[in-house]
Amino acid sequence: MNTQVSIPLQVPQRQLLQPETFPQFLNFRSLAGLVGDGGRRIRAGRLFRSGGFDQLSDAGADTLQWLGLGSVCDLRSVGEHKKFPSPLPAAGFPLAMAAPESDPSEATRVVGDPNATPQDVRAAMFEVYSGMPSRFATSLRAVFDAALSCRGGLLVQCAIGKDRTGVAVALLLAALGVPREEILADYTASNRARDAIFDAMAARNPGREPPPAELLAPLLAADPDYLRAFWARLDVDYGGEAGYLVSGLGLGADAIGSLRARWLI
């Protein structure tokens, strides 16, 4: 594999100004074309989301280069990075933030409990999402710092591209003025990748018996009520996303204006 990839400053004109999926990557899609502030749309080649990259072929690196990818916010924990190092930096796509010290997805531990029920897992997922505004604030601010400084496109990813990525992308889209119903539609699109996510999890744990399907279902689901639990916490504690961006993440109106100017057309 080539160790250096040249990042184009201009997004290829052949890219369509609409959300696109790329099945060669885990739960990967573009957010291009979503309508934000003032009816303007997200530019092509600006924002992508994905699950983890356990490996990256030369063809895969070429695709990311073609898309105009500039840097990566990998929201996996330090432990996840050590166990499954990202192949992206060696391919020329630098990581734009430090790895979080801990994984907020405590629901995975509940799945491993032999006495757990599907209701236990779902309750744990609600706790994960409602706790994200406080427990994951440092990483969420780092995502915005990366978005504001990135040359080229920004990829936001975690292990499966659903929970940590889902919350971070939901906030980026809110900052761009995308309405909640459209953000929710993008979030639930991860359900289309559920089989691929299951296969990826199995491949990362060879020889281990997977948890019962009834416990995995609420863990792997992009349940709209999970994201609504995140929003409910923001509404109660900050008056919504705008208040959280200011009071929770310390972002001023100038930062939001700069992001909209660069990413909306």
Protein backbone atom coordinates (compact mmCIF):
# COMPACT_ATOMS: atom_id res chain seq x y z
CA MET A 1 0.00 0.00 0.00
CA ASN A 2 1.19 3.51 -0.69
CA THR A 3 2.09 5.28 2.52
CA GLN A 4 1.44 8.78 1.20
CA VAL A 5 -1.80 9.91 -0.41
CA SER A 6 -2.22 13.36 -1.88
CA ILE A 7 -5.41 15.03 -0.68
CA PRO A 8 -7.10 17.07 -3.40
CA LEU A 9 -8.01 20.62 -2.41
CA GLN A 10 -11.05 20.57 -4.70
CA VAL A 11 -13.78 17.98 -4.41
CA PRO A 12 -14.15 16.04 -7.69
CA GLN A 13 -16.94 17.51 -9.76
CA ARG A 14 -18.37 14.08 -10.54
CA GLN A 15 -19.51 13.68 -6.95
CA LEU A 16 -23.26 14.05 -6.61
CA LEU A 17 -24.66 16.61 -4.19
CA GLN A 18 -26.68 14.03 -2.28
CA PRO A 19 -26.05 11.50 0.49
CA GLU A 20 -24.19 8.46 -0.81
CA THR A 21 -23.26 5.10 0.70
CA PHE A 22 -20.09 3.14 0.00
CA PRO A 23 -20.67 -0.55 0.82
CA GLN A 24 -16.97 -1.46 0.68
CA PHE A 25 -16.62 0.32 4.05
CA LEU A 26 -18.51 -0.46 7.26
CA ASN A 27 -21.61 1.73 7.67
CA PHE A 28 -19.95 4.49 5.62
CA ARG A 29 -21.87 7.33 4.03
CA SER A 30 -21.62 10.91 2.88
CA LEU A 31 -23.83 13.62 4.35
CA ALA A 32 -23.71 15.72 1.18
CA GLY A 33 -26.92 17.38 0.11
CA LEU A 34 -28.75 17.52 3.44
CA VAL A 35 -30.53 20.86 3.74
CA GLY A 36 -29.35 23.18 6.47
CA ASP A 37 -29.50 26.86 7.39
CA GLY A 38 -31.28 29.08 4.89
CA GLY A 39 -32.09 26.20 2.55
CA ARG A 40 -28.42 25.70 1.73
CA ARG A 41 -27.13 22.16 1.30
CA ILE A 42 -24.05 20.44 2.72
CA ARG A 43 -21.30 20.55 0.13
CA ALA A 44 -20.03 17.35 -1.44
CA GLY A 45 -16.84 16.04 0.09
CA ARG A 46 -17.19 17.82 3.43
CA LEU A 47 -18.66 15.36 5.93
CA PHE A 48 -18.61 11.57 6.10
CA ARG A 49 -19.45 9.02 8.79
CA SER A 50 -18.39 5.42 9.20
CA GLY A 51 -17.72 2.40 11.34
CA GLY A 52 -14.23 1.16 12.00
CA PHE A 53 -11.57 0.39 9.40
CA ASP A 54 -10.05 -2.92 10.47
CA GLN A 55 -8.06 -2.94 7.24
CA LEU A 56 -7.74 -0.71 4.21
CA SER A 57 -6.88 -1.89 0.70
CA ASP A 58 -5.15 0.22 -1.90
CA ALA A 59 -8.49 0.48 -3.71
CA GLY A 60 -10.16 1.62 -0.49
CA ALA A 61 -7.50 4.29 0.06
CA ASP A 62 -7.97 5.45 -3.52
CA THR A 63 -11.72 5.79 -2.92
CA LEU A 64 -11.17 7.89 0.20
CA GLN A 65 -8.74 10.07 -1.71
CA TRP A 66 -11.25 10.45 -4.56
CA LEU A 67 -13.85 11.55 -2.02
CA GLY A 68 -11.55 14.34 -0.85
CA LEU A 69 -11.05 13.03 2.69
CA GLY A 70 -8.69 15.24 4.67
CA SER A 71 -8.72 14.04 8.28
CA VAL A 72 -10.44 11.64 10.65
CA CYS A 73 -12.13 11.90 14.04
CA ASP A 74 -11.84 8.38 15.41
CA LEU A 75 -14.05 8.26 18.50
CA ARG A 76 -12.93 4.82 19.62
CA SER A 77 -11.36 4.60 23.07
CA VAL A 78 -7.65 4.23 23.84
CA GLY A 79 -8.22 0.53 24.47
CA GLU A 80 -9.94 0.06 21.14
CA HIS A 81 -7.10 1.86 19.35
CA LYS A 82 -4.55 -0.44 20.96
CA LYS A 83 -6.49 -3.58 20.08
CA PHE A 84 -7.43 -2.48 16.56
CA PRO A 85 -5.06 0.27 15.33
CA SER A 86 -6.45 2.42 12.56
CA PRO A 87 -4.90 1.89 9.12
CA LEU A 88 -5.94 5.37 7.99
CA PRO A 89 -2.93 7.45 9.14
CA ALA A 90 -0.49 5.20 7.27
CA ALA A 91 -2.60 5.73 4.14
CA GLY A 92 -2.30 9.51 4.43
CA PHE A 93 -5.46 10.33 6.37
CA PRO A 94 -4.37 11.75 9.76
CA LEU A 95 -6.31 11.39 12.99
CA ALA A 96 -7.50 14.84 14.04
CA MET A 97 -8.05 14.18 17.74
CA ALA A 98 -6.73 12.18 20.66
CA ALA A 99 -8.50 8.93 21.47
CA PRO A 100 -11.02 9.20 24.30
CA GLU A 101 -9.78 7.63 27.53
CA SER A 102 -12.94 5.58 27.98
CA ASP A 103 -15.75 4.11 25.93
CA PRO A 104 -19.15 5.51 26.96
CA SER A 105 -20.92 2.49 25.47
CA GLU A 106 -21.40 0.67 28.74
CA ALA A 107 -24.28 -1.29 27.18
CA THR A 108 -21.75 -3.72 25.71
CA ARG A 109 -20.96 -4.88 29.23
CA VAL A 110 -24.63 -5.54 29.91
CA VAL A 111 -24.78 -7.79 26.85
CA GLY A 112 -22.05 -9.93 28.42
CA ASP A 113 -24.08 -10.47 31.60
CA PRO A 114 -25.55 -14.01 31.48
CA ASN A 115 -28.60 -12.78 33.39
CA ALA A 116 -29.29 -9.78 31.15
CA THR A 117 -32.55 -9.36 29.28
CA PRO A 118 -33.26 -7.37 26.10
CA GLN A 119 -35.00 -4.82 28.33
CA ASP A 120 -31.78 -4.46 30.36
CA VAL A 121 -29.77 -3.79 27.20
CA ARG A 122 -32.27 -1.25 25.92
CA ALA A 123 -32.30 0.53 29.28
CA ALA A 124 -28.51 0.64 29.20
CA MET A 125 -28.60 2.20 25.74
CA PHE A 126 -30.90 4.95 26.98
CA GLU A 127 -28.45 5.60 29.82
CA VAL A 128 -25.55 5.76 27.36
CA TYR A 129 -27.27 8.33 25.16
CA SER A 130 -28.59 10.50 27.98
CA GLY A 131 -25.11 10.54 29.51
CA MET A 132 -23.28 11.50 26.31
CA PRO A 133 -23.61 15.29 26.73
CA SER A 134 -21.57 15.22 29.95
CA ARG A 135 -19.37 12.13 29.63
CA PHE A 136 -18.38 12.69 26.01
CA ALA A 137 -18.18 16.48 25.93
CA THR A 138 -14.39 16.67 25.52
CA SER A 139 -14.47 14.39 22.49
CA LEU A 140 -17.45 16.19 20.99
CA ARG A 141 -15.63 19.51 21.28
CA ALA A 142 -12.61 17.91 19.61
CA VAL A 143 -14.83 16.90 16.67
CA PHE A 144 -15.89 20.50 16.19
CA ASP A 145 -12.31 21.73 16.46
CA ALA A 146 -11.37 19.25 13.73
CA ALA A 147 -14.30 20.34 11.57
CA LEU A 148 -13.27 23.98 11.86
CA SER A 149 -9.64 23.33 10.96
CA CYS A 150 -9.94 20.49 8.45
CA ARG A 151 -8.72 20.94 4.89
CA GLY A 152 -10.80 18.69 2.72
CA GLY A 153 -13.45 16.30 4.02
CA LEU A 154 -13.88 15.19 7.63
CA LEU A 155 -14.68 11.59 8.53
CA VAL A 156 -16.31 10.89 11.90
CA GLN A 157 -16.12 7.25 12.93
CA CYS A 158 -16.20 4.84 15.86
CA ALA A 159 -16.31 1.04 16.05
CA ILE A 160 -19.60 0.52 14.20
CA GLY A 161 -20.50 4.10 13.25
CA LYS A 162 -23.77 4.26 15.16
CA ASP A 163 -23.69 5.56 18.73
CA ARG A 164 -20.67 7.81 19.31
CA THR A 165 -20.58 8.70 15.64
CA GLY A 166 -24.34 9.15 15.60
CA VAL A 167 -24.30 11.69 18.41
CA ALA A 168 -21.30 13.60 17.04
CA VAL A 169 -22.79 13.80 13.54
CA ALA A 170 -26.18 14.78 14.96
CA LEU A 171 -24.54 17.78 16.64
CA LEU A 172 -22.58 18.75 13.52
CA LEU A 173 -25.76 18.61 11.46
CA ALA A 174 -27.65 20.64 14.06
CA ALA A 175 -24.90 23.26 13.99
CA LEU A 176 -25.39 23.45 10.22
CA GLY A 177 -29.13 24.01 10.69
CA VAL A 178 -30.34 20.58 9.57
CA PRO A 179 -33.73 19.87 11.25
CA ARG A 180 -34.10 17.05 13.73
CA GLU A 181 -36.33 14.95 11.49
CA GLU A 182 -33.61 14.85 8.83
CA ILE A 183 -30.93 14.12 11.42
CA LEU A 184 -33.05 11.26 12.72
CA ALA A 185 -33.45 9.87 9.20
CA ASP A 186 -29.69 9.81 8.77
CA TYR A 187 -29.19 8.21 12.18
CA THR A 188 -31.63 5.37 11.50
CA ALA A 189 -29.98 4.71 8.12
CA SER A 190 -27.40 2.74 10.10
CA ASN A 191 -30.02 0.01 10.46
CA ARG A 192 -29.37 -0.89 6.83
CA ALA A 193 -25.83 -1.91 7.82
CA ARG A 194 -26.86 -4.15 10.72
CA ASP A 195 -25.83 -7.42 9.07
CA ALA A 196 -22.44 -6.00 8.10
CA ILE A 197 -21.98 -4.66 11.63
CA PHE A 198 -22.75 -8.08 13.10
CA ASP A 199 -20.24 -9.71 10.75
CA ALA A 200 -17.58 -7.14 11.65
CA MET A 201 -18.08 -7.69 15.37
CA ALA A 202 -17.76 -11.44 14.90
CA ALA A 203 -14.57 -11.01 12.86
CA ARG A 204 -13.05 -8.86 15.62
CA ASN A 205 -13.69 -11.62 18.17
CA PRO A 206 -12.76 -14.89 16.42
CA GLY A 207 -13.50 -18.04 18.34
CA ARG A 208 -15.90 -16.32 20.73
CA GLU A 209 -19.54 -17.29 20.80
CA PRO A 210 -21.62 -14.21 19.97
CA PRO A 211 -24.19 -13.03 22.53
CA PRO A 212 -27.78 -14.18 22.01
CA ALA A 213 -29.50 -12.48 19.10
CA GLU A 214 -32.21 -11.07 21.36
CA LEU A 215 -29.55 -9.18 23.34
CA LEU A 216 -27.68 -7.98 20.27
CA ALA A 217 -30.83 -6.58 18.67
CA PRO A 218 -31.23 -3.57 21.00
CA LEU A 219 -27.46 -3.06 21.10
CA LEU A 220 -27.03 -2.87 17.32
CA ALA A 221 -30.29 -1.05 16.57
CA ALA A 222 -30.22 2.59 15.51
CA ASP A 223 -33.39 3.10 17.54
CA PRO A 224 -34.77 6.62 17.03
CA ASP A 225 -35.70 6.70 20.71
CA TYR A 226 -32.01 6.44 21.63
CA LEU A 227 -31.17 9.66 19.81
CA ARG A 228 -34.32 11.24 21.21
CA ALA A 229 -32.97 10.44 24.70
CA PHE A 230 -29.82 12.40 23.85
CA TRP A 231 -31.91 15.32 22.62
CA ALA A 232 -34.13 15.16 25.70
CA ARG A 233 -31.08 15.61 27.93
CA LEU A 234 -29.95 18.57 25.84
CA ASP A 235 -33.43 20.10 26.00
CA VAL A 236 -33.63 19.79 29.78
CA ASP A 237 -30.09 20.86 30.64
CA TYR A 238 -29.27 23.34 27.85
CA GLY A 239 -32.50 24.25 26.09
CA GLY A 240 -31.52 22.25 23.00
CA GLU A 241 -28.56 21.79 20.70
CA ALA A 242 -27.81 25.50 20.31
CA GLY A 243 -27.49 25.95 24.05
CA TYR A 244 -25.31 22.88 24.37
CA LEU A 245 -22.95 24.02 21.64
CA VAL A 246 -22.44 27.29 23.51
CA SER A 247 -22.58 26.27 27.18
CA GLY A 248 -21.59 22.62 26.96
CA LEU A 249 -18.91 22.77 24.25
CA GLY A 250 -17.87 26.42 24.44
CA LEU A 251 -18.55 27.22 20.79
CA GLY A 252 -19.38 30.80 19.86
CA ALA A 253 -21.57 32.13 17.11
CA ASP A 254 -18.46 32.90 15.06
CA ALA A 255 -17.45 29.22 15.06
CA ILE A 256 -20.89 28.09 13.95
CA GLY A 257 -20.96 30.79 11.29
CA SER A 258 -17.55 29.72 10.01
CA LEU A 259 -18.63 26.08 9.78
CA ARG A 260 -21.76 27.01 7.86
CA ALA A 261 -19.83 29.24 5.49
CA ARG A 262 -17.38 26.46 4.66
CA TRP A 263 -19.74 23.48 4.52
CA LEU A 264 -23.00 24.86 3.11
CA ILE A 265 -23.67 25.93 -0.44
